[in-house]
N, C-alpha and C. Protein backbone atom coordinates (compact mmCIF):
# COMPACT_ATOMS: atom_id res chain seq x y z
N MET A 1 0.75 -1.26 -0.04
CA MET A 1 -0.15 0.14 -0.03
C MET A 1 0.82 1.17 0.27
N ILE A 2 0.59 2.10 -0.80
CA ILE A 2 1.14 3.57 -0.96
C ILE A 2 1.41 4.33 0.61
N LEU A 3 0.31 4.52 1.19
CA LEU A 3 0.15 5.31 2.31
C LEU A 3 1.30 4.45 3.46
N LYS A 4 2.01 5.72 4.34
CA LYS A 4 3.02 5.08 5.12
C LYS A 4 2.45 4.28 6.37
N LYS A 5 3.28 3.28 6.73
CA LYS A 5 2.67 2.56 8.04
C LYS A 5 2.83 3.59 9.36
N GLU A 6 2.63 3.31 10.33
CA GLU A 6 2.82 3.92 11.70
C GLU A 6 4.27 3.80 11.99
N ARG A 7 4.77 4.76 12.22
CA ARG A 7 6.39 5.02 12.61
C ARG A 7 6.42 4.35 14.30
N THR A 8 7.42 3.53 14.49
CA THR A 8 7.89 2.98 15.60
C THR A 8 9.47 3.31 16.34
N GLY A 9 9.74 2.88 17.37
CA GLY A 9 10.91 3.07 17.96
C GLY A 9 11.86 4.39 17.48
N VAL A 10 12.88 4.18 17.11
CA VAL A 10 14.00 5.38 16.73
C VAL A 10 13.20 6.32 15.70
N GLU A 11 12.60 5.53 14.54
CA GLU A 11 11.98 6.28 13.63
C GLU A 11 11.05 7.30 14.07
N LYS A 12 10.22 6.80 15.08
CA LYS A 12 8.90 7.53 15.63
C LYS A 12 9.40 8.87 16.33
N LYS A 13 10.76 8.52 17.10
CA LYS A 13 11.24 9.54 17.88
C LYS A 13 12.18 10.58 17.00
N LEU A 14 12.60 10.22 16.04
CA LEU A 14 13.26 11.10 15.05
C LEU A 14 12.09 12.02 14.32
N TYR A 15 11.08 11.47 13.93
CA TYR A 15 9.73 12.32 13.49
C TYR A 15 9.35 13.25 14.44
N GLU A 16 9.40 12.84 15.65
CA GLU A 16 8.82 13.70 16.61
C GLU A 16 9.77 14.98 16.93
N LEU A 17 11.38 14.36 16.80
CA LEU A 17 12.21 15.59 17.07
C LEU A 17 12.32 16.70 15.72
N THR A 18 12.19 16.17 14.51
CA THR A 18 12.09 16.55 13.40
C THR A 18 10.75 17.50 13.35
N GLU A 19 9.66 17.16 13.91
CA GLU A 19 8.42 18.05 13.91
C GLU A 19 8.83 19.17 14.58
N LYS A 20 9.54 19.04 15.90
CA LYS A 20 9.50 20.04 16.86
C LYS A 20 10.89 21.13 16.29
N VAL A 21 11.79 20.75 15.70
CA VAL A 21 12.81 21.33 15.04
C VAL A 21 12.10 22.34 13.70
N VAL A 22 11.37 21.51 12.94
CA VAL A 22 10.81 22.05 11.56
C VAL A 22 10.01 23.41 12.00
N LYS A 23 8.91 22.86 13.07
CA LYS A 23 7.90 24.02 13.61
C LYS A 23 8.80 25.24 14.19
N GLY A 24 9.72 24.76 14.93
CA GLY A 24 10.48 26.02 15.44
C GLY A 24 11.22 26.67 14.59
N GLU A 25 11.29 26.52 13.30
CA GLU A 25 11.76 27.61 12.06
C GLU A 25 10.79 28.06 11.14
N ASN A 26 9.50 27.52 11.86
CA ASN A 26 8.00 28.07 11.11
C ASN A 26 7.95 27.63 9.93
N LEU A 27 8.44 26.38 9.72
CA LEU A 27 8.06 25.63 8.67
C LEU A 27 7.19 24.45 8.83
N ASN A 28 6.83 23.49 7.75
CA ASN A 28 6.14 22.49 7.98
C ASN A 28 6.90 21.31 7.32
N ILE A 29 6.43 20.20 7.97
CA ILE A 29 7.09 18.79 7.49
C ILE A 29 6.40 18.35 6.14
N TYR A 30 6.80 18.00 5.16
CA TYR A 30 6.20 17.42 3.96
C TYR A 30 6.47 16.00 4.36
N ASP A 31 7.65 15.54 4.53
CA ASP A 31 7.79 14.07 4.61
C ASP A 31 9.12 13.94 5.67
N VAL A 32 9.41 12.71 5.94
CA VAL A 32 10.21 12.43 6.81
C VAL A 32 10.65 10.81 6.41
N GLU A 33 11.86 10.32 6.15
CA GLU A 33 12.51 9.39 5.81
C GLU A 33 13.50 8.96 6.55
N TYR A 34 13.31 7.81 7.28
CA TYR A 34 14.64 7.58 7.89
C TYR A 34 15.19 6.02 7.62
N LEU A 35 16.25 6.03 6.82
CA LEU A 35 16.70 4.78 6.27
C LEU A 35 17.83 3.99 7.22
N ALA A 36 17.52 3.43 8.14
CA ALA A 36 18.28 2.90 9.25
C ALA A 36 19.45 2.20 8.65
N THR A 37 19.41 1.29 7.70
CA THR A 37 20.80 0.42 7.44
C THR A 37 21.64 1.39 6.94
N SER A 38 21.34 2.49 6.14
CA SER A 38 22.46 3.63 5.78
C SER A 38 22.50 4.76 6.93
N GLY A 39 21.65 5.17 7.67
CA GLY A 39 21.83 5.89 8.75
C GLY A 39 21.53 7.24 8.24
N ILE A 40 20.54 7.28 6.96
CA ILE A 40 20.21 8.65 6.47
C ILE A 40 18.84 9.11 7.08
N LEU A 41 18.75 10.27 7.49
CA LEU A 41 17.37 11.05 7.70
C LEU A 41 17.08 11.99 6.72
N ARG A 42 16.08 11.77 5.96
CA ARG A 42 15.67 12.60 4.84
C ARG A 42 14.47 13.32 5.34
N VAL A 43 14.65 14.77 5.48
CA VAL A 43 13.73 15.66 5.89
C VAL A 43 13.31 16.63 4.57
N PHE A 44 12.23 16.42 4.27
CA PHE A 44 11.56 17.40 3.13
C PHE A 44 10.48 18.56 4.21
N ILE A 45 10.64 19.63 3.83
CA ILE A 45 10.39 20.82 4.54
C ILE A 45 9.50 21.66 3.38
N ILE A 46 8.59 22.25 4.02
CA ILE A 46 7.76 23.12 2.89
C ILE A 46 7.14 24.17 3.87
N ASP A 47 7.15 25.45 3.03
CA ASP A 47 6.53 26.82 3.55
C ASP A 47 4.99 26.85 3.09
N GLU A 48 4.15 26.92 3.83
CA GLU A 48 2.89 26.87 3.37
C GLU A 48 2.47 28.03 2.27
N LYS A 49 3.38 29.05 2.45
CA LYS A 49 2.98 30.27 1.54
C LYS A 49 3.47 30.14 0.34
N THR A 50 4.63 29.41 0.17
CA THR A 50 5.32 29.34 -1.00
C THR A 50 5.14 27.79 -1.64
N ASP A 51 4.52 26.84 -0.99
CA ASP A 51 4.42 25.48 -1.27
C ASP A 51 5.73 24.99 -1.90
N THR A 52 6.87 25.30 -1.03
CA THR A 52 8.11 24.94 -1.49
C THR A 52 9.13 25.28 -0.33
N ALA A 53 10.32 24.89 -0.32
CA ALA A 53 11.26 25.49 0.71
C ALA A 53 12.75 26.35 -0.23
N GLN A 54 12.87 27.15 0.41
CA GLN A 54 14.23 27.75 -0.19
C GLN A 54 15.53 27.19 0.41
N LEU A 55 16.62 27.54 -0.24
CA LEU A 55 18.01 26.96 0.48
C LEU A 55 17.90 27.35 1.89
N ASP A 56 17.81 28.76 1.83
CA ASP A 56 17.98 29.30 3.30
C ASP A 56 16.83 28.28 4.35
N ASP A 57 15.89 28.04 3.92
CA ASP A 57 15.10 27.41 4.70
C ASP A 57 15.80 25.98 5.21
N CYS A 58 16.29 25.36 4.26
CA CYS A 58 17.04 24.30 4.81
C CYS A 58 18.21 24.23 5.32
N VAL A 59 18.78 25.31 5.31
CA VAL A 59 20.12 25.61 6.09
C VAL A 59 19.64 25.71 7.34
N ARG A 60 18.75 26.57 7.59
CA ARG A 60 18.35 26.92 9.09
C ARG A 60 17.71 25.96 9.51
N VAL A 61 17.01 25.04 9.08
CA VAL A 61 16.70 23.39 9.62
C VAL A 61 17.92 22.77 10.09
N ASP A 62 18.88 22.74 9.24
CA ASP A 62 19.75 21.74 9.23
C ASP A 62 20.54 22.49 10.52
N LYS A 63 20.79 23.49 10.68
CA LYS A 63 21.66 24.02 11.86
C LYS A 63 20.85 23.91 13.03
N ALA A 64 19.57 23.75 12.95
CA ALA A 64 18.46 23.62 14.03
C ALA A 64 18.70 22.30 14.76
N PHE A 65 19.15 21.35 13.98
CA PHE A 65 19.43 19.95 14.32
C PHE A 65 20.80 19.74 15.38
N ASN A 66 21.73 20.69 15.03
CA ASN A 66 22.88 20.26 15.58
C ASN A 66 22.87 20.21 17.24
N PRO A 67 22.37 21.06 18.03
CA PRO A 67 22.20 20.81 19.45
C PRO A 67 21.72 19.45 19.71
N TYR A 68 20.62 18.93 19.21
CA TYR A 68 20.15 17.81 19.34
C TYR A 68 21.12 16.61 19.02
N PHE A 69 21.56 16.62 18.09
CA PHE A 69 22.63 15.56 17.71
C PHE A 69 23.67 15.46 18.36
N GLU A 70 24.28 16.50 19.07
CA GLU A 70 25.30 16.68 20.06
C GLU A 70 25.05 16.22 21.30
N SER A 71 23.63 16.37 21.47
CA SER A 71 23.15 16.04 23.06
C SER A 71 22.42 14.98 23.36
N GLU A 72 21.73 14.64 22.35
CA GLU A 72 20.74 13.29 22.61
C GLU A 72 21.59 12.04 22.37
N SER A 73 21.42 11.02 23.55
CA SER A 73 22.01 9.80 23.51
C SER A 73 21.20 8.82 22.60
N TRP A 74 20.04 8.93 22.56
CA TRP A 74 19.28 8.08 21.67
C TRP A 74 19.45 8.18 19.99
N ILE A 75 20.17 9.15 19.54
CA ILE A 75 20.04 9.25 18.11
C ILE A 75 21.48 8.69 17.89
N PRO A 76 21.43 7.80 16.73
CA PRO A 76 22.31 6.90 16.15
C PRO A 76 23.41 7.84 15.75
N GLU A 77 24.65 7.36 16.02
CA GLU A 77 25.86 8.08 15.86
C GLU A 77 26.18 8.36 14.42
N ASN A 78 25.72 7.31 13.59
CA ASN A 78 26.10 7.38 12.15
C ASN A 78 25.14 8.17 11.22
N ILE A 79 24.37 8.89 12.07
CA ILE A 79 23.00 9.66 11.18
C ILE A 79 23.65 10.57 10.44
N THR A 80 23.08 10.59 9.13
CA THR A 80 23.34 11.64 8.16
C THR A 80 22.13 12.48 7.60
N LEU A 81 22.11 13.60 8.03
CA LEU A 81 21.14 14.24 7.87
C LEU A 81 20.89 15.24 6.25
N GLN A 82 19.69 15.14 5.64
CA GLN A 82 19.54 15.52 4.34
C GLN A 82 18.17 16.66 4.36
N VAL A 83 18.23 17.57 4.33
CA VAL A 83 17.15 18.58 4.34
C VAL A 83 16.98 19.10 2.99
N SER A 84 15.62 18.86 2.65
CA SER A 84 15.38 19.54 1.20
C SER A 84 13.97 19.93 1.06
N SER A 85 13.70 20.68 -0.16
CA SER A 85 12.11 20.74 -0.43
C SER A 85 11.37 19.45 -0.74
N PRO A 86 10.35 19.39 -0.89
CA PRO A 86 9.81 18.26 -1.48
C PRO A 86 10.07 17.74 -2.99
N GLY A 87 10.56 18.87 -3.70
CA GLY A 87 10.70 19.14 -4.95
C GLY A 87 9.48 19.20 -5.97
N ILE A 88 9.77 19.64 -7.27
CA ILE A 88 8.47 20.09 -8.22
C ILE A 88 7.78 18.59 -8.43
N TYR A 89 8.76 17.49 -8.47
CA TYR A 89 7.89 16.19 -8.99
C TYR A 89 7.45 15.26 -7.48
N ARG A 90 7.29 15.88 -6.42
CA ARG A 90 6.96 15.37 -5.40
C ARG A 90 6.51 14.20 -5.14
N ARG A 91 6.86 13.24 -4.16
CA ARG A 91 6.37 12.17 -3.95
C ARG A 91 4.96 12.37 -3.36
N LEU A 92 3.68 11.38 -3.59
CA LEU A 92 2.74 11.74 -2.97
C LEU A 92 2.61 10.30 -1.92
N THR A 93 2.69 10.41 -0.60
CA THR A 93 2.51 9.04 -0.12
C THR A 93 1.64 9.11 1.50
N SER A 94 1.16 10.37 1.53
CA SER A 94 -0.15 10.32 2.71
C SER A 94 -1.23 11.10 2.22
N LEU A 95 -2.62 10.68 2.71
CA LEU A 95 -3.71 11.51 2.59
C LEU A 95 -3.78 12.85 2.22
N GLU A 96 -3.25 13.60 3.19
CA GLU A 96 -2.86 14.97 3.14
C GLU A 96 -2.21 15.53 1.81
N GLN A 97 -1.11 14.68 1.35
CA GLN A 97 -0.43 14.98 0.19
C GLN A 97 -0.90 14.75 -1.12
N PHE A 98 -1.87 13.80 -1.19
CA PHE A 98 -2.97 13.42 -2.37
C PHE A 98 -4.12 14.66 -2.12
N LYS A 99 -4.58 14.93 -1.03
CA LYS A 99 -5.59 15.98 -1.21
C LYS A 99 -5.19 17.17 -1.44
N ALA A 100 -3.90 17.79 -1.29
CA ALA A 100 -3.21 19.06 -1.58
C ALA A 100 -3.03 19.21 -3.26
N GLN A 101 -3.28 17.90 -3.72
CA GLN A 101 -2.99 17.75 -5.12
C GLN A 101 -3.98 17.59 -5.93
N VAL A 102 -5.31 17.81 -5.48
CA VAL A 102 -6.42 17.58 -6.19
C VAL A 102 -6.49 18.49 -7.01
N GLY A 103 -7.02 18.27 -8.47
CA GLY A 103 -7.27 19.29 -9.64
C GLY A 103 -6.00 19.39 -10.68
N LYS A 104 -4.90 18.68 -9.88
CA LYS A 104 -3.42 18.81 -10.65
C LYS A 104 -3.26 17.39 -11.35
N ARG A 105 -2.32 17.39 -12.39
CA ARG A 105 -1.94 15.99 -12.72
C ARG A 105 -0.71 15.11 -12.01
N ILE A 106 -1.15 13.95 -11.86
CA ILE A 106 -0.18 13.31 -11.04
C ILE A 106 0.06 11.67 -11.90
N LYS A 107 1.39 11.47 -11.70
CA LYS A 107 1.93 10.01 -12.28
C LYS A 107 1.75 9.15 -11.14
N VAL A 108 1.23 8.06 -11.83
CA VAL A 108 0.61 6.75 -10.94
C VAL A 108 1.45 5.81 -11.44
N ILE A 109 2.30 4.87 -10.65
CA ILE A 109 2.62 3.52 -10.81
C ILE A 109 1.83 2.45 -10.23
N PHE A 110 1.34 1.51 -10.99
CA PHE A 110 0.34 0.63 -10.31
C PHE A 110 1.21 -0.85 -10.17
N PHE A 111 1.03 -1.49 -9.37
CA PHE A 111 1.34 -2.93 -9.00
C PHE A 111 0.90 -3.81 -10.27
N ARG A 112 0.24 -3.56 -10.56
CA ARG A 112 -0.34 -4.53 -11.94
C ARG A 112 -1.01 -3.61 -13.23
N ALA A 113 -1.41 -4.19 -14.24
CA ALA A 113 -2.02 -3.20 -15.07
C ALA A 113 -3.31 -2.82 -14.61
N LEU A 114 -3.68 -1.59 -15.39
CA LEU A 114 -4.71 -1.12 -15.19
C LEU A 114 -6.10 -2.02 -14.98
N GLY A 115 -6.19 -2.61 -16.35
CA GLY A 115 -7.28 -3.61 -16.69
C GLY A 115 -7.64 -4.60 -15.82
N GLU A 116 -6.62 -5.07 -14.99
CA GLU A 116 -6.77 -5.94 -14.07
C GLU A 116 -7.63 -5.64 -12.95
N PHE A 117 -7.77 -4.47 -12.28
CA PHE A 117 -8.42 -4.08 -11.43
C PHE A 117 -9.59 -2.99 -11.68
N VAL A 118 -9.49 -2.51 -12.97
CA VAL A 118 -10.74 -1.35 -13.25
C VAL A 118 -11.30 -2.11 -14.65
N GLU A 119 -12.55 -2.85 -14.24
CA GLU A 119 -13.13 -3.57 -15.38
C GLU A 119 -13.47 -3.21 -16.68
N ASP A 120 -13.99 -1.74 -16.57
CA ASP A 120 -14.47 -1.05 -17.56
C ASP A 120 -13.32 -0.02 -18.38
N ALA A 121 -12.06 -0.50 -17.95
CA ALA A 121 -11.02 0.53 -18.52
C ALA A 121 -10.86 0.27 -19.95
N PRO A 122 -10.67 1.50 -21.02
CA PRO A 122 -10.63 1.38 -22.17
C PRO A 122 -9.48 0.66 -22.64
N LYS A 123 -9.67 -0.06 -23.75
CA LYS A 123 -8.53 -0.87 -24.51
C LYS A 123 -7.15 -0.09 -24.52
N LYS A 124 -7.12 1.23 -24.70
CA LYS A 124 -5.88 1.82 -24.74
C LYS A 124 -5.27 1.93 -23.35
N LEU A 125 -6.07 1.93 -22.29
CA LEU A 125 -5.55 1.99 -21.03
C LEU A 125 -5.33 0.64 -20.28
N LYS A 126 -5.98 -0.34 -20.54
CA LYS A 126 -5.71 -1.68 -20.22
C LYS A 126 -4.52 -2.04 -19.49
N GLY A 127 -3.61 -2.13 -20.51
CA GLY A 127 -2.52 -2.73 -19.98
C GLY A 127 -1.48 -1.69 -19.40
N ALA A 128 -1.91 -0.40 -18.98
CA ALA A 128 -0.91 0.39 -18.38
C ALA A 128 -0.62 0.37 -16.79
N LYS A 129 0.69 0.12 -16.72
CA LYS A 129 1.31 0.04 -15.32
C LYS A 129 1.48 1.60 -14.60
N ILE A 130 1.77 2.50 -15.64
CA ILE A 130 2.14 3.94 -15.21
C ILE A 130 1.33 4.57 -16.26
N LEU A 131 0.76 5.54 -15.43
CA LEU A 131 -0.22 6.75 -16.01
C LEU A 131 -0.08 8.02 -15.38
N VAL A 132 -0.24 8.85 -16.49
CA VAL A 132 -0.36 10.39 -15.88
C VAL A 132 -1.63 10.72 -16.16
N ALA A 133 -2.48 11.11 -15.17
CA ALA A 133 -4.04 11.55 -14.95
C ALA A 133 -4.20 12.62 -14.10
N ASP A 134 -5.35 12.99 -14.39
CA ASP A 134 -5.76 14.12 -13.61
C ASP A 134 -6.42 13.70 -12.01
N LEU A 135 -6.07 14.20 -11.18
CA LEU A 135 -6.43 13.87 -9.73
C LEU A 135 -7.80 14.73 -9.44
N LEU A 136 -8.86 14.14 -9.62
CA LEU A 136 -9.96 14.35 -9.38
C LEU A 136 -10.30 14.64 -7.89
N GLU A 137 -10.36 13.56 -7.21
CA GLU A 137 -10.94 13.24 -5.73
C GLU A 137 -10.15 12.44 -5.07
N VAL A 138 -10.03 12.40 -3.85
CA VAL A 138 -9.24 11.72 -2.82
C VAL A 138 -10.28 11.00 -1.63
N THR A 139 -10.33 9.95 -1.25
CA THR A 139 -11.08 9.38 -0.16
C THR A 139 -9.98 8.51 0.45
N GLU A 140 -10.64 7.73 1.74
CA GLU A 140 -9.87 7.27 2.57
C GLU A 140 -9.26 5.94 1.90
N GLU A 141 -10.07 5.63 0.97
CA GLU A 141 -9.70 4.26 0.43
C GLU A 141 -8.83 4.40 -0.85
N GLY A 142 -9.04 5.77 -1.52
CA GLY A 142 -8.29 5.49 -3.07
C GLY A 142 -8.58 7.09 -3.49
N VAL A 143 -8.35 7.19 -4.73
CA VAL A 143 -8.26 8.40 -5.66
C VAL A 143 -9.22 8.08 -6.97
N VAL A 144 -9.93 9.09 -7.44
CA VAL A 144 -10.66 9.19 -8.64
C VAL A 144 -9.62 9.99 -9.28
N LEU A 145 -9.45 9.27 -10.70
CA LEU A 145 -8.69 9.79 -11.76
C LEU A 145 -9.43 9.98 -12.99
N SER A 146 -8.83 10.95 -13.99
CA SER A 146 -9.30 10.98 -15.23
C SER A 146 -8.33 11.12 -16.26
N GLU A 147 -8.53 10.60 -17.23
CA GLU A 147 -7.72 10.39 -18.42
C GLU A 147 -8.32 10.53 -19.77
N ASN A 148 -8.34 11.61 -20.54
CA ASN A 148 -8.65 11.65 -21.86
C ASN A 148 -10.35 11.43 -21.35
N ASP A 149 -11.03 12.22 -20.30
CA ASP A 149 -12.53 12.00 -20.43
C ASP A 149 -12.83 10.79 -19.80
N TYR A 150 -12.18 9.83 -19.61
CA TYR A 150 -12.44 8.59 -18.56
C TYR A 150 -12.21 8.57 -17.24
N LYS A 151 -13.22 8.57 -16.55
CA LYS A 151 -13.06 8.61 -14.85
C LYS A 151 -13.19 7.31 -14.22
N PHE A 152 -12.22 7.20 -13.35
CA PHE A 152 -12.22 5.94 -12.78
C PHE A 152 -11.76 5.80 -11.34
N SER A 153 -11.85 4.96 -10.52
CA SER A 153 -11.26 4.94 -9.10
C SER A 153 -10.53 4.00 -9.11
N VAL A 154 -9.02 4.04 -8.05
CA VAL A 154 -8.29 3.40 -7.78
C VAL A 154 -7.88 3.33 -6.39
N GLY A 155 -8.00 2.08 -5.67
CA GLY A 155 -7.79 2.01 -4.36
C GLY A 155 -6.09 2.14 -4.12
N PHE A 156 -5.95 2.87 -2.91
CA PHE A 156 -4.40 2.78 -2.44
C PHE A 156 -3.64 1.52 -2.65
N THR A 157 -4.29 0.38 -2.46
CA THR A 157 -4.01 -0.79 -2.46
C THR A 157 -3.41 -1.21 -3.87
N ASP A 158 -3.65 -0.51 -4.86
CA ASP A 158 -3.32 -0.80 -6.21
C ASP A 158 -2.29 0.18 -6.57
N ILE A 159 -1.95 1.06 -5.82
CA ILE A 159 -0.96 2.05 -6.19
C ILE A 159 0.46 1.78 -5.69
N LYS A 160 1.49 1.49 -6.36
CA LYS A 160 2.78 1.15 -6.06
C LYS A 160 3.49 2.53 -5.64
N LYS A 161 3.35 3.71 -6.32
CA LYS A 161 4.24 4.91 -6.28
C LYS A 161 3.23 6.13 -7.09
N ALA A 162 3.42 7.33 -6.25
CA ALA A 162 2.69 8.44 -7.24
C ALA A 162 3.53 9.59 -7.01
N ASN A 163 3.65 10.83 -7.80
CA ASN A 163 4.30 11.94 -8.02
C ASN A 163 3.31 12.88 -8.53
N LEU A 164 3.72 14.12 -8.03
CA LEU A 164 2.96 15.21 -8.90
C LEU A 164 3.52 15.08 -10.55
N GLU A 165 2.76 15.58 -11.14
CA GLU A 165 3.56 15.57 -12.60
C GLU A 165 3.10 17.03 -13.16
N VAL A 166 4.29 17.88 -13.18
CA VAL A 166 4.43 19.09 -13.73
C VAL A 166 4.77 19.20 -15.25
N ASN A 167 4.00 19.93 -15.88
CA ASN A 167 4.51 20.35 -17.24
C ASN A 167 4.98 21.81 -16.88
N LEU A 168 6.19 21.75 -17.35
CA LEU A 168 6.95 23.34 -16.96
C LEU A 168 6.58 23.91 -17.95
N PHE A 169 6.56 23.58 -19.15
CA PHE A 169 6.23 24.59 -20.22
C PHE A 169 4.93 25.37 -20.04
N ASN A 170 3.72 24.29 -19.54
CA ASN A 170 2.46 25.32 -19.35
C ASN A 170 2.81 25.91 -18.33
N GLU A 171 3.50 25.47 -16.87
CA GLU A 171 3.79 26.46 -15.86
C GLU A 171 4.51 27.78 -16.24
N LEU A 172 5.38 27.71 -17.10
CA LEU A 172 6.34 29.01 -17.47
C LEU A 172 4.93 29.83 -18.38
N ARG A 173 4.27 29.29 -19.23
CA ARG A 173 3.19 30.08 -19.72
C ARG A 173 2.16 30.84 -19.04
N LYS A 174 1.90 30.16 -17.79
CA LYS A 174 1.04 31.08 -16.85
C LYS A 174 1.63 31.99 -16.32
N GLU A 175 2.91 31.81 -16.01
CA GLU A 175 3.50 33.04 -15.37
C GLU A 175 3.79 34.21 -16.00
N SER A 176 3.82 34.25 -17.64
CA SER A 176 4.33 35.51 -18.42
C SER A 176 2.84 35.83 -19.12
């Protein structure tokens, strides 16, 4: 399933610490990923006003972690901190992240071909395991997508990965 499982142990403590540090810098957490085997703590931050994070924001958050890394004995010694914005093609892994993108295009990678779990899928979409479509709606169970006027529902259990899909050419035209 695409939605994240509940955090436990060190991962939960690192998330709680991250929440404290990021809020202390007047920013929000977009996502936190702890890769225990490599000791990497990835913190994706966002400023609600800009829907992204600037380099200065990342530096401030990075520096705000220093006192904790130096004083907290429960933090793994081999930890490497990476702070960044979620990026233009940001991953979608939570209900809130999906809801924030309603009305936009997303790229979805399915566990199996679309025709295997959407019975009335048009012939040209039946074999699709990767699809770029408009995100119309989000529920607790999944999403409603639209592609070429074909509207269909997909459960989160059928989604392997999802990202925001931005057409930079169209975005640049909107700004000018």
